[in-house]
Amino acid sequence: MNRTGKRKGRLPMIDRGWTVTLMLALLVVLLGACDPSEGLPRVNSAAFAGKSQMLGSGEDNALDTPLTLTYWAELNGNAASIKSNFNEVPFFQEWQRRTGVDLNFIQPPANQGKEALSILLASGELPDLIEYEWIHYPGGPEKAINDGYILRLNEIIDQYAPHLKEYLSEHPDIDLQVRTANGSYYAFPFIQGDKRLRTYQGPIIRKDWLDELGLEVPETIAEWHDVLIAFKEHKGAKAPLTFLGVPNPLFGIEGGGFVGAFGIKKDFYQEQGKVKFGAIEPEYKAFLALFRDWFKEGLIDPNLAAVDSETQDTSMILGRSGASIWNAGAGIGTWLPLMQAKDPSVELAPAPYPVLNKGDRPKFGQFAPAVGASGGVAISTNNPHVEEAARMLDYGYSPEGHLLFNFGMEGVSYEMKDGDPTYTDLILKNPNKWAPSQALAMYTRASYFGPFVQDVRYMEQYYTLREQQEATRLWSDTDAALHTLPSLPKTEEESTEFSMIMQDVNRIVDEMSLKIIYGIEPLDAFEGYVEQIHTMGIDRALQIQQRSLDRFNQGLSAK
């Protein structure tokens, strides 16, 4: 039982193969060697403006006695490449210092957050704050509330989160996406309000190789085939094209790369208000036929189902691969400086999202929803300091917090110039030779996610390379915005049914895709898989998605 009086449920899909040792390791609190606020004066932040009913007692609104909360989260990969735990990262030190709340971090192993959270929830030993993709909780966030894991935040936001409340009242389209269909707020969200922030990923290719081979940046599937053949035969690329296969197969192309050339996405999308699921459309078979041929020819990473970000980085930096699908920042911005440090002749270039016919406009491309699935922080039912936790999380939406989360510390990572926060050389020309993506992850959360609103001025400065600026322009030149679904609120019943259906459907889609691409199953097996997916209830899942989209559109029109 928890303090709400509800009996805790168990999160489905716990991997029974995990050992007790791993379970204990996941619950270890990762503390720094010393108090991160030692020697630093506590400040009175605008986020805590008010009287003694706020965090502190008396006129000083920072806590007189530091409060300690436990915080479960995965450490961003760029930060993890420099520091091993949260308390060594300057941003998290400063966030604690400013709010007067000390955090003991519980950090799961890299790329194992879902499994780790399953174990954590099943243990009943809940941390005070949990940063997770709550929209993907089995049964949805409403069920996580009803299961007794996290708190419904409506009254909490009303009372203790004035900055988030104000933002949501001014942005009704965002407000609809951070609540369940029952109207429950469940986490302090990560928000990308500016459309320019929502496209940051696409095809990246070795331009110096193209020039050496007398080839142009490919636009069509046929041109891509010729380029990859040339990379393999003339540049010795062992995996001419590589992309992420973690956390699930073909993850790297789910934004629309290559599969989008056939007029579909692998996942759900919309056509003039009608929801579709691409993996059961006939065009998906055509895509699988293409990748089946490319895999047989050795043009795709042979380990495509196991490629994580570190493997992808290594393949591109060492020349094992000549093309990938990744970010303007963590891809071009990280790879190019490292590669040019060893060989100044190296060039990377963005490529447009592939199409079938020359001159066609790409129908799909990466276009993130305004409300990210990642970065939402929920308050657990075990938290005895709800008000203080809410006020700390609300800090990210305050004027001061907005600057901290997006730009870091004034005089350290940014300076004010002509009224705008401007990154210092600590970020853009780091003396430790960190890439800008790594330096940003040390001093801000701007380049990934968290409980704040991302600022487009971060991107305007972060993308300092000509190649990065061209990338965002090129990758944005698609019709993806017309077909991308917003974050769709669902009821608990809808989320539970939808999760149960899609858990099995996605497993079969991934298995089917890999078996056909690897040549284990014939291409004609596709129709049998599609029939099996229909028996699993994909039509019902489509109905739920359609109902959710209709409800969202109706809610938006009523605002």
Protein backbone atom coordinates (compact mmCIF):
# COMPACT_ATOMS: atom_id res chain seq x y z
CA MET A 1 0.00 0.00 0.00
CA ASN A 2 1.14 3.56 -0.60
CA ARG A 3 0.19 6.76 1.12
CA THR A 4 -2.79 7.28 -1.21
CA GLY A 5 -4.32 4.07 0.11
CA LYS A 6 -4.08 2.33 -3.26
CA ARG A 7 -2.40 -0.99 -3.73
CA LYS A 8 0.43 -0.83 -6.17
CA GLY A 9 0.06 -2.71 -9.42
CA ARG A 10 2.94 -4.17 -11.35
CA LEU A 11 4.28 -2.83 -14.59
CA PRO A 12 3.93 -5.57 -17.22
CA MET A 13 6.77 -7.02 -19.24
CA ILE A 14 9.40 -7.40 -16.51
CA ASP A 15 12.33 -9.36 -17.90
CA ARG A 16 12.48 -12.40 -15.64
CA GLY A 17 16.04 -13.03 -16.74
CA TRP A 18 17.35 -10.07 -14.81
CA THR A 19 19.34 -11.06 -11.77
CA VAL A 20 18.94 -9.91 -8.20
CA THR A 21 22.35 -8.32 -8.44
CA LEU A 22 21.25 -6.13 -11.33
CA MET A 23 18.09 -5.17 -9.49
CA LEU A 24 20.12 -3.98 -6.53
CA ALA A 25 22.51 -2.13 -8.80
CA LEU A 26 19.64 -0.25 -10.39
CA LEU A 27 18.50 0.97 -6.99
CA VAL A 28 21.88 2.32 -5.90
CA VAL A 29 21.81 6.05 -5.35
CA LEU A 30 24.60 7.61 -7.34
CA LEU A 31 26.07 10.36 -5.19
CA GLY A 32 28.93 12.68 -5.94
CA ALA A 33 31.96 12.55 -3.72
CA CYS A 34 30.99 15.85 -2.09
CA ASP A 35 28.11 18.24 -1.66
CA PRO A 36 27.68 19.87 -5.10
CA SER A 37 26.64 23.13 -3.45
CA GLU A 38 29.61 23.33 -1.09
CA GLY A 39 31.24 26.75 -1.22
CA LEU A 40 28.46 28.25 -3.33
CA PRO A 41 26.02 30.79 -1.88
CA ARG A 42 22.34 29.98 -2.10
CA VAL A 43 20.37 32.50 -4.12
CA ASN A 44 16.79 33.74 -3.99
CA SER A 45 15.22 32.67 -7.27
CA ALA A 46 12.20 34.19 -8.94
CA ALA A 47 10.76 30.69 -9.04
CA PHE A 48 10.31 30.81 -5.28
CA ALA A 49 8.97 34.37 -4.99
CA GLY A 50 6.47 34.55 -2.16
CA LYS A 51 6.15 34.29 1.58
CA SER A 52 6.82 31.60 4.15
CA GLN A 53 4.26 29.22 2.69
CA MET A 54 6.67 28.66 -0.21
CA LEU A 55 9.85 26.61 0.20
CA GLY A 56 11.59 28.61 2.86
CA SER A 57 10.53 30.21 6.10
CA GLY A 58 10.61 33.96 6.40
CA GLU A 59 11.63 36.41 3.69
CA ASP A 60 14.49 34.26 2.37
CA ASN A 61 12.64 31.99 -0.04
CA ALA A 62 15.43 29.46 -0.62
CA LEU A 63 15.35 26.59 1.80
CA ASP A 64 17.00 27.40 5.14
CA THR A 65 17.77 23.70 5.60
CA PRO A 66 18.46 21.82 2.36
CA LEU A 67 15.84 19.26 1.46
CA THR A 68 16.90 16.01 -0.19
CA LEU A 69 14.76 14.27 -2.81
CA THR A 70 15.51 11.10 -4.75
CA TYR A 71 15.38 11.49 -8.54
CA TRP A 72 15.27 8.60 -11.04
CA ALA A 73 16.47 9.40 -14.57
CA GLU A 74 18.73 8.25 -17.38
CA LEU A 75 21.86 10.32 -17.94
CA ASN A 76 22.03 11.83 -21.42
CA GLY A 77 24.61 10.17 -23.65
CA ASN A 78 26.55 13.36 -24.38
CA ALA A 79 26.80 14.10 -20.66
CA ALA A 80 27.71 10.48 -19.92
CA SER A 81 30.61 10.72 -22.38
CA ILE A 82 32.20 13.29 -20.03
CA LYS A 83 30.91 12.45 -16.53
CA SER A 84 29.70 9.17 -15.11
CA ASN A 85 26.87 10.46 -12.90
CA PHE A 86 24.49 13.36 -12.50
CA ASN A 87 26.11 15.00 -9.49
CA GLU A 88 29.32 15.57 -11.45
CA VAL A 89 27.44 17.56 -14.13
CA PRO A 90 27.57 21.34 -13.51
CA PHE A 91 23.98 21.91 -14.67
CA PHE A 92 22.56 19.59 -12.02
CA GLN A 93 24.79 21.10 -9.37
CA GLU A 94 23.48 24.57 -10.24
CA TRP A 95 19.83 23.49 -10.39
CA GLN A 96 20.12 22.12 -6.86
CA ARG A 97 21.99 25.18 -5.62
CA ARG A 98 19.43 27.63 -6.93
CA THR A 99 16.38 25.81 -5.62
CA GLY A 100 17.81 24.69 -2.30
CA VAL A 101 16.79 21.10 -3.04
CA ASP A 102 19.49 18.43 -3.01
CA LEU A 103 18.95 15.47 -5.31
CA ASN A 104 20.09 11.90 -4.82
CA PHE A 105 20.05 10.41 -8.31
CA ILE A 106 19.11 6.84 -9.17
CA GLN A 107 20.63 6.19 -12.58
CA PRO A 108 19.77 3.08 -14.64
CA PRO A 109 22.27 1.54 -17.05
CA ALA A 110 22.44 3.13 -20.49
CA ASN A 111 19.68 2.03 -22.90
CA GLN A 112 17.96 -0.02 -20.18
CA GLY A 113 15.60 2.56 -18.72
CA LYS A 114 12.37 0.72 -19.52
CA GLU A 115 13.53 -2.53 -17.96
CA ALA A 116 15.03 -0.72 -14.99
CA LEU A 117 11.82 1.17 -14.30
CA SER A 118 9.84 -2.06 -14.45
CA ILE A 119 12.01 -3.47 -11.69
CA LEU A 120 11.88 -0.25 -9.71
CA LEU A 121 8.09 -0.01 -9.74
CA ALA A 122 7.70 -3.68 -8.94
CA SER A 123 9.94 -3.24 -5.90
CA GLY A 124 7.59 -0.66 -4.38
CA GLU A 125 10.61 1.47 -3.38
CA LEU A 126 9.68 4.55 -5.35
CA PRO A 127 11.96 7.59 -5.61
CA ASP A 128 10.43 11.02 -5.08
CA LEU A 129 10.76 12.11 -8.72
CA ILE A 130 10.75 9.92 -11.84
CA GLU A 131 11.77 11.18 -15.30
CA TYR A 132 10.36 8.79 -17.87
CA GLU A 133 8.36 8.48 -21.08
CA TRP A 134 5.08 8.24 -19.19
CA ILE A 135 3.02 8.28 -22.36
CA HIS A 136 4.45 4.79 -23.02
CA TYR A 137 3.53 3.38 -19.62
CA PRO A 138 1.35 0.28 -20.23
CA GLY A 139 -2.17 1.63 -19.98
CA GLY A 140 -0.95 5.20 -20.24
CA PRO A 141 -0.21 7.82 -17.59
CA GLU A 142 -3.78 7.73 -16.28
CA LYS A 143 -3.21 4.11 -15.32
CA ALA A 144 0.13 4.98 -13.72
CA ILE A 145 -1.86 7.40 -11.54
CA ASN A 146 -4.55 4.85 -10.75
CA ASP A 147 -1.97 2.15 -10.08
CA GLY A 148 -0.69 4.36 -7.29
CA TYR A 149 2.73 5.10 -8.72
CA ILE A 150 2.51 8.80 -9.60
CA LEU A 151 0.35 11.72 -8.49
CA ARG A 152 -2.33 13.51 -10.47
CA LEU A 153 -0.90 17.00 -10.74
CA ASN A 154 -3.93 19.21 -11.46
CA GLU A 155 -4.30 20.68 -7.98
CA ILE A 156 -0.54 20.60 -7.45
CA ILE A 157 0.11 22.68 -10.58
CA ASP A 158 -2.68 25.07 -9.61
CA GLN A 159 -1.14 25.68 -6.21
CA TYR A 160 2.60 25.25 -6.60
CA ALA A 161 3.57 25.61 -10.30
CA PRO A 162 2.56 29.13 -11.37
CA HIS A 163 5.01 29.33 -14.26
CA LEU A 164 3.95 26.09 -15.91
CA LYS A 165 0.30 26.97 -15.29
CA GLU A 166 0.75 30.35 -16.99
CA TYR A 167 2.50 28.81 -20.00
CA LEU A 168 -0.21 26.21 -20.52
CA SER A 169 -2.97 28.80 -20.23
CA GLU A 170 -1.28 30.78 -22.99
CA HIS A 171 -0.74 27.72 -25.23
CA PRO A 172 -3.98 25.68 -25.37
CA ASP A 173 -2.64 23.38 -28.09
CA ILE A 174 0.21 22.37 -25.77
CA ASP A 175 -2.15 22.07 -22.82
CA LEU A 176 -4.20 19.44 -24.66
CA GLN A 177 -1.08 17.35 -25.24
CA VAL A 178 0.17 17.24 -21.66
CA ARG A 179 -3.05 15.85 -20.18
CA THR A 180 -4.82 12.52 -20.42
CA ALA A 181 -8.26 12.29 -22.03
CA ASN A 182 -9.69 12.48 -18.51
CA GLY A 183 -7.95 15.82 -18.06
CA SER A 184 -5.21 14.63 -15.71
CA TYR A 185 -1.81 16.31 -15.69
CA TYR A 186 0.76 13.64 -14.86
CA ALA A 187 4.24 15.10 -15.41
CA PHE A 188 6.16 18.34 -15.77
CA PRO A 189 6.68 18.20 -19.55
CA PHE A 190 9.41 18.88 -22.09
CA ILE A 191 8.02 21.33 -24.64
CA GLN A 192 9.28 22.33 -28.09
CA GLY A 193 6.97 25.21 -28.84
CA ASP A 194 8.78 26.55 -31.91
CA LYS A 195 8.45 24.48 -35.09
CA ARG A 196 12.04 25.25 -36.00
CA LEU A 197 13.13 23.13 -33.05
CA ARG A 198 11.21 20.09 -34.11
CA THR A 199 13.31 18.99 -37.10
CA TYR A 200 16.88 18.17 -36.22
CA GLN A 201 17.51 14.77 -37.79
CA GLY A 202 18.03 13.37 -41.26
CA PRO A 203 20.43 11.66 -43.68
CA ILE A 204 24.12 12.52 -43.31
CA ILE A 205 26.72 11.49 -45.87
CA ARG A 206 30.50 11.65 -46.44
CA LYS A 207 30.76 14.53 -48.91
CA ASP A 208 34.52 14.07 -49.37
CA TRP A 209 33.89 10.51 -50.51
CA LEU A 210 31.26 11.68 -52.96
CA ASP A 211 33.63 14.27 -54.40
CA GLU A 212 36.45 11.76 -54.69
CA LEU A 213 34.16 9.34 -56.53
CA GLY A 214 32.60 12.00 -58.74
CA LEU A 215 29.13 11.54 -57.27
CA GLU A 216 26.44 14.02 -56.23
CA VAL A 217 24.53 14.06 -52.96
CA PRO A 218 21.82 11.42 -53.57
CA GLU A 219 18.16 12.37 -53.71
CA THR A 220 16.39 9.28 -55.05
CA ILE A 221 16.45 5.67 -53.89
CA ALA A 222 18.25 4.69 -57.09
CA GLU A 223 20.93 7.33 -56.51
CA TRP A 224 21.36 6.16 -52.93
CA HIS A 225 21.91 2.62 -54.19
CA ASP A 226 24.67 3.76 -56.55
CA VAL A 227 26.35 5.79 -53.81
CA LEU A 228 26.31 2.96 -51.27
CA ILE A 229 27.70 0.52 -53.83
CA ALA A 230 30.53 2.97 -54.53
CA PHE A 231 31.24 3.42 -50.81
CA LYS A 232 31.49 -0.32 -50.38
CA GLU A 233 33.57 -1.08 -53.45
CA HIS A 234 35.85 1.94 -53.60
CA LYS A 235 36.08 3.17 -50.00
CA GLY A 236 36.04 -0.18 -48.25
CA ALA A 237 33.04 0.68 -46.10
CA LYS A 238 31.98 -2.39 -44.13
CA ALA A 239 28.60 -0.85 -43.34
CA PRO A 240 28.01 1.81 -46.01
CA LEU A 241 24.70 2.84 -44.39
CA THR A 242 24.24 2.64 -40.63
CA PHE A 243 21.40 3.79 -38.38
CA LEU A 244 20.08 3.09 -34.90
CA GLY A 245 18.63 -0.34 -34.20
CA VAL A 246 18.20 0.35 -30.49
CA PRO A 247 15.86 0.38 -28.61
CA ASN A 248 14.01 -1.44 -31.40
CA PRO A 249 14.87 -2.62 -34.92
CA LEU A 250 14.76 0.06 -37.64
CA PHE A 251 14.50 2.75 -34.96
CA GLY A 252 16.75 5.04 -36.98
CA ILE A 253 14.37 5.23 -39.92
CA GLU A 254 11.15 5.74 -37.97
CA GLY A 255 11.26 9.46 -38.74
CA GLY A 256 10.68 8.61 -42.39
CA GLY A 257 14.12 7.91 -43.79
CA PHE A 258 14.00 5.57 -46.84
CA VAL A 259 10.63 4.07 -45.88
CA GLY A 260 9.11 7.51 -46.40
CA ALA A 261 10.07 7.38 -50.07
CA PHE A 262 7.26 4.85 -50.49
CA GLY A 263 4.68 7.27 -49.09
CA ILE A 264 4.32 5.76 -45.62
CA LYS A 265 5.85 5.65 -42.16
CA LYS A 266 6.52 2.48 -40.21
CA ASP A 267 4.31 3.73 -37.37
CA PHE A 268 1.04 5.67 -37.13
CA TYR A 269 0.49 8.78 -39.23
CA GLN A 270 -2.45 10.70 -40.66
CA GLU A 271 -3.76 11.39 -44.14
CA GLN A 272 -6.16 14.35 -44.16
CA GLY A 273 -7.37 13.53 -40.67
CA LYS A 274 -7.51 9.73 -41.14
CA VAL A 275 -5.10 7.66 -39.03
CA LYS A 276 -3.07 4.94 -40.76
CA PHE A 277 -0.51 2.37 -39.64
CA GLY A 278 2.25 2.14 -42.21
CA ALA A 279 3.58 -1.32 -41.40
CA ILE A 280 0.43 -2.99 -42.77
CA GLU A 281 0.25 -0.92 -45.96
CA PRO A 282 1.34 -2.53 -49.28
CA GLU A 283 4.05 0.11 -49.63
CA TYR A 284 5.79 -1.29 -46.56
CA LYS A 285 6.35 -4.51 -48.46
CA ALA A 286 8.07 -2.52 -51.20
CA PHE A 287 10.31 -0.91 -48.61
CA LEU A 288 11.19 -4.29 -47.10
CA ALA A 289 12.03 -5.59 -50.57
CA LEU A 290 14.44 -2.70 -51.01
CA PHE A 291 16.21 -3.22 -47.71
CA ARG A 292 16.26 -6.96 -48.28
CA ASP A 293 18.20 -6.38 -51.50
CA TRP A 294 20.49 -3.80 -49.88
CA PHE A 295 21.24 -6.09 -46.95
CA LYS A 296 22.11 -8.93 -49.32
CA GLU A 297 24.41 -6.59 -51.23
CA GLY A 298 26.17 -5.55 -48.01
CA LEU A 299 25.00 -1.94 -48.19
CA ILE A 300 23.36 -1.83 -44.73
CA ASP A 301 25.08 -2.35 -41.40
CA PRO A 302 25.09 -6.14 -40.90
CA ASN A 303 24.39 -5.55 -37.19
CA LEU A 304 21.44 -3.27 -37.95
CA ALA A 305 19.30 -4.61 -35.08
CA ALA A 306 21.98 -3.88 -32.46
CA VAL A 307 23.37 -0.49 -33.50
CA ASP A 308 23.28 1.93 -30.56
CA SER A 309 24.42 5.56 -30.57
CA GLU A 310 27.96 4.68 -29.53
CA THR A 311 28.29 2.09 -32.29
CA GLN A 312 26.86 4.53 -34.81
CA ASP A 313 29.31 7.24 -33.72
CA THR A 314 32.25 4.86 -34.02
CA SER A 315 31.22 3.62 -37.46
CA MET A 316 30.96 7.11 -38.88
CA ILE A 317 34.04 8.56 -37.20
CA LEU A 318 36.29 5.65 -38.20
CA GLY A 319 34.97 5.40 -41.75
CA ARG A 320 33.34 2.02 -41.34
CA SER A 321 30.23 3.75 -42.64
CA GLY A 322 29.77 6.59 -45.09
CA ALA A 323 26.15 7.49 -44.44
CA SER A 324 23.74 7.55 -41.55
CA ILE A 325 20.54 9.10 -40.25
CA TRP A 326 21.18 11.19 -37.17
CA ASN A 327 21.06 14.64 -35.63
CA ALA A 328 22.52 17.94 -36.76
CA GLY A 329 24.01 18.37 -33.30
CA ALA A 330 24.94 14.95 -31.97
CA GLY A 331 25.69 13.77 -35.50
CA ILE A 332 27.27 16.45 -37.67
CA GLY A 333 28.21 18.67 -34.74
CA THR A 334 29.95 15.84 -32.90
CA TRP A 335 31.39 13.78 -35.74
CA LEU A 336 32.78 16.46 -38.02
CA PRO A 337 35.13 18.20 -35.53
CA LEU A 338 36.49 14.86 -34.34
CA MET A 339 37.01 13.60 -37.87
CA GLN A 340 38.60 16.81 -39.11
CA ALA A 341 40.95 16.87 -36.13
CA LYS A 342 42.53 13.73 -37.57
CA ASP A 343 41.98 14.51 -41.25
CA PRO A 344 41.11 18.11 -42.24
CA SER A 345 39.92 16.93 -45.66
CA VAL A 346 36.91 15.10 -44.22
CA GLU A 347 33.55 16.60 -45.15
CA LEU A 348 30.05 15.70 -44.06
CA ALA A 349 26.91 16.92 -45.78
CA PRO A 350 23.19 16.60 -45.13
CA ALA A 351 21.16 14.82 -47.76
CA PRO A 352 17.46 15.33 -48.41
CA TYR A 353 15.01 12.68 -47.32
CA PRO A 354 15.02 10.13 -50.18
CA VAL A 355 12.23 9.98 -52.76
CA LEU A 356 11.46 7.56 -55.56
CA ASN A 357 11.38 10.07 -58.40
CA LYS A 358 13.70 12.98 -59.04
CA GLY A 359 12.09 16.27 -58.12
CA ASP A 360 9.45 14.80 -55.80
CA ARG A 361 8.91 16.56 -52.48
CA PRO A 362 9.51 14.22 -49.53
CA LYS A 363 6.25 13.30 -47.87
CA PHE A 364 7.88 12.29 -44.60
CA GLY A 365 10.84 13.35 -42.53
CA GLN A 366 11.66 13.70 -38.86
CA PHE A 367 9.26 16.17 -37.20
CA ALA A 368 9.01 15.88 -33.44
CA PRO A 369 5.74 16.55 -31.60
CA ALA A 370 5.59 19.78 -29.63
CA VAL A 371 5.40 17.78 -26.40
CA GLY A 372 8.19 15.26 -26.22
CA ALA A 373 7.60 11.78 -24.84
CA SER A 374 10.95 12.00 -23.05
CA GLY A 375 11.83 14.38 -20.26
CA GLY A 376 8.54 14.45 -18.39
CA VAL A 377 9.08 14.34 -14.62
CA ALA A 378 6.36 12.84 -12.44
CA ILE A 379 6.03 13.12 -8.67
CA SER A 380 5.71 9.71 -7.08
CA THR A 381 3.10 8.80 -4.49
CA ASN A 382 5.93 8.10 -2.03
CA ASN A 383 7.10 11.72 -2.09
CA PRO A 384 6.51 13.36 1.32
CA HIS A 385 7.52 16.80 0.00
CA VAL A 386 5.09 17.36 -2.87
CA GLU A 387 4.98 21.15 -2.65
CA GLU A 388 8.75 21.52 -2.60
CA ALA A 389 9.15 19.04 -5.46
CA ALA A 390 6.57 20.87 -7.57
CA ARG A 391 8.20 24.23 -6.97
CA MET A 392 11.59 22.86 -7.92
CA LEU A 393 10.24 21.40 -11.16
CA ASP A 394 8.31 24.61 -11.90
CA TYR A 395 11.60 26.49 -11.79
CA GLY A 396 12.40 25.28 -15.31
CA TYR A 397 9.43 27.25 -16.68
CA SER A 398 10.30 30.48 -14.83
CA PRO A 399 12.32 33.27 -16.51
CA GLU A 400 15.47 32.38 -14.55
CA GLY A 401 14.95 28.66 -14.97
CA HIS A 402 14.36 29.08 -18.69
CA LEU A 403 17.79 30.64 -19.00
CA LEU A 404 19.43 27.98 -16.84
CA PHE A 405 17.92 25.04 -18.71
CA ASN A 406 18.62 26.52 -22.14
CA PHE A 407 21.82 28.49 -21.64
CA GLY A 408 23.31 27.54 -18.28
CA MET A 409 25.01 30.03 -15.98
CA GLU A 410 25.53 33.67 -16.88
CA GLY A 411 29.20 34.55 -16.96
CA VAL A 412 30.13 30.90 -17.35
CA SER A 413 28.31 29.29 -20.26
CA TYR A 414 26.55 32.40 -21.61
CA GLU A 415 26.63 36.18 -21.54
CA MET A 416 23.87 38.67 -22.33
CA LYS A 417 24.55 40.54 -25.58
CA ASP A 418 22.00 42.97 -27.02
CA GLY A 419 19.36 41.44 -24.79
CA ASP A 420 19.97 37.84 -25.89
CA PRO A 421 21.78 35.04 -24.04
CA THR A 422 24.89 34.21 -26.03
CA TYR A 423 26.98 31.09 -25.50
CA THR A 424 30.59 31.59 -24.44
CA ASP A 425 33.61 29.77 -25.80
CA LEU A 426 33.15 27.27 -22.96
CA ILE A 427 30.31 25.88 -25.08
CA LEU A 428 31.28 26.66 -28.65
CA LYS A 429 35.08 26.38 -28.43
CA ASN A 430 35.55 24.30 -25.35
CA PRO A 431 39.12 24.36 -23.93
CA ASN A 432 38.81 20.65 -23.06
CA LYS A 433 38.11 19.90 -26.73
CA TRP A 434 34.57 18.80 -25.96
CA ALA A 435 32.20 18.98 -28.90
CA PRO A 436 29.49 21.65 -28.48
CA SER A 437 26.94 18.88 -27.94
CA GLN A 438 28.99 17.57 -25.03
CA ALA A 439 29.59 21.01 -23.52
CA LEU A 440 25.89 21.86 -23.77
CA ALA A 441 25.01 18.64 -21.98
CA MET A 442 27.35 19.63 -19.18
CA TYR A 443 25.93 23.09 -18.54
CA THR A 444 22.36 23.00 -19.93
CA ARG A 445 19.57 20.65 -20.96
CA ALA A 446 18.90 22.55 -24.18
CA SER A 447 20.22 19.88 -26.52
CA TYR A 448 18.08 17.06 -25.22
CA PHE A 449 15.02 17.27 -22.91
CA GLY A 450 13.70 17.84 -19.42
CA PRO A 451 11.05 19.81 -17.49
CA PHE A 452 11.30 23.11 -19.41
CA VAL A 453 10.43 24.89 -22.65
CA GLN A 454 13.20 24.69 -25.23
CA ASP A 455 14.39 28.03 -26.62
CA VAL A 456 14.96 28.39 -30.38
CA ARG A 457 17.88 30.74 -29.65
CA TYR A 458 19.78 27.71 -28.41
CA MET A 459 19.56 26.09 -31.84
CA GLU A 460 20.49 29.28 -33.68
CA GLN A 461 23.81 29.34 -31.80
CA TYR A 462 24.38 25.62 -31.37
CA TYR A 463 24.33 24.97 -35.09
CA THR A 464 27.45 26.99 -35.79
CA LEU A 465 28.67 24.85 -38.67
CA ARG A 466 27.49 25.64 -42.16
CA GLU A 467 26.65 21.97 -42.60
CA GLN A 468 24.33 22.02 -39.56
CA GLN A 469 22.48 25.09 -40.75
CA GLU A 470 22.01 23.59 -44.19
CA ALA A 471 20.86 20.33 -42.58
CA THR A 472 17.95 21.83 -40.68
CA ARG A 473 16.88 23.78 -43.77
CA LEU A 474 17.05 20.73 -46.00
CA TRP A 475 15.48 18.26 -43.59
CA SER A 476 12.60 20.64 -42.88
CA ASP A 477 11.69 20.76 -46.57
CA THR A 478 9.13 17.96 -46.34
CA ASP A 479 5.41 17.53 -45.81
CA ALA A 480 5.94 15.75 -42.50
CA ALA A 481 3.99 18.35 -40.52
CA LEU A 482 0.85 17.44 -42.48
CA HIS A 483 1.08 13.78 -41.53
CA THR A 484 2.59 13.73 -38.03
CA LEU A 485 0.22 12.94 -35.17
CA PRO A 486 0.31 15.18 -32.10
CA SER A 487 0.69 13.67 -28.65
CA LEU A 488 -2.77 12.17 -28.37
CA PRO A 489 -4.44 12.03 -24.93
CA LYS A 490 -6.27 8.81 -24.15
CA THR A 491 -8.43 7.50 -21.36
CA GLU A 492 -7.07 4.78 -19.10
CA GLU A 493 -9.30 2.23 -20.79
CA GLU A 494 -8.17 3.30 -24.24
CA SER A 495 -4.51 3.37 -23.24
CA THR A 496 -4.70 -0.06 -21.61
CA GLU A 497 -6.36 -1.64 -24.62
CA PHE A 498 -4.11 0.19 -27.06
CA SER A 499 -0.94 -0.82 -25.18
CA MET A 500 -1.97 -4.46 -25.05
CA ILE A 501 -2.64 -4.53 -28.78
CA MET A 502 0.45 -2.62 -29.83
CA GLN A 503 2.77 -4.57 -27.56
CA ASP A 504 2.08 -7.67 -29.64
CA VAL A 505 1.73 -5.84 -32.95
CA ASN A 506 5.05 -4.04 -32.64
CA ARG A 507 6.79 -7.26 -31.68
CA ILE A 508 5.46 -8.99 -34.79
CA VAL A 509 6.24 -6.01 -37.03
CA ASP A 510 9.84 -5.90 -35.81
CA GLU A 511 10.26 -9.66 -36.14
CA MET A 512 8.65 -9.65 -39.58
CA SER A 513 10.76 -6.76 -40.78
CA LEU A 514 14.05 -8.31 -39.69
CA LYS A 515 13.24 -11.79 -40.97
CA ILE A 516 12.36 -10.47 -44.41
CA ILE A 517 15.33 -8.08 -44.56
CA TYR A 518 17.73 -10.81 -43.40
CA GLY A 519 16.30 -13.24 -45.94
CA ILE A 520 15.15 -15.68 -43.27
CA GLU A 521 11.59 -15.44 -44.57
CA PRO A 522 10.50 -14.91 -48.20
CA LEU A 523 9.13 -11.54 -49.20
CA ASP A 524 5.75 -13.13 -49.83
CA ALA A 525 5.50 -13.87 -46.10
CA PHE A 526 4.49 -10.23 -45.70
CA GLU A 527 0.81 -10.86 -46.44
CA GLY A 528 0.65 -13.58 -43.83
CA TYR A 529 2.20 -11.29 -41.23
CA VAL A 530 -0.27 -8.55 -42.07
CA GLU A 531 -3.15 -10.99 -41.63
CA GLN A 532 -1.71 -11.99 -38.27
CA ILE A 533 -1.46 -8.33 -37.24
CA HIS A 534 -5.11 -7.84 -38.09
CA THR A 535 -6.04 -10.78 -35.86
CA MET A 536 -4.10 -9.10 -33.05
CA GLY A 537 -6.40 -6.10 -33.19
CA ILE A 538 -4.63 -3.45 -35.25
CA ASP A 539 -8.00 -2.28 -36.58
CA ARG A 540 -9.14 -1.63 -33.02
CA ALA A 541 -5.88 0.23 -32.31
CA LEU A 542 -6.53 2.38 -35.37
CA GLN A 543 -10.03 3.13 -34.05
CA ILE A 544 -8.58 4.24 -30.71
CA GLN A 545 -6.01 6.45 -32.41
CA GLN A 546 -8.69 7.94 -34.66
CA ARG A 547 -10.96 8.65 -31.72
CA SER A 548 -8.07 10.29 -29.88
CA LEU A 549 -7.18 12.45 -32.86
CA ASP A 550 -10.81 13.49 -33.35
CA ARG A 551 -11.07 14.36 -29.66
CA PHE A 552 -7.86 16.41 -29.85
CA ASN A 553 -9.09 18.32 -32.90
CA GLN A 554 -12.45 18.98 -31.26
CA GLY A 555 -10.75 20.20 -28.11
CA LEU A 556 -8.50 22.48 -30.11
CA SER A 557 -11.40 24.00 -32.02
CA ALA A 558 -13.21 24.63 -28.73
CA LYS A 559 -10.30 26.62 -27.29
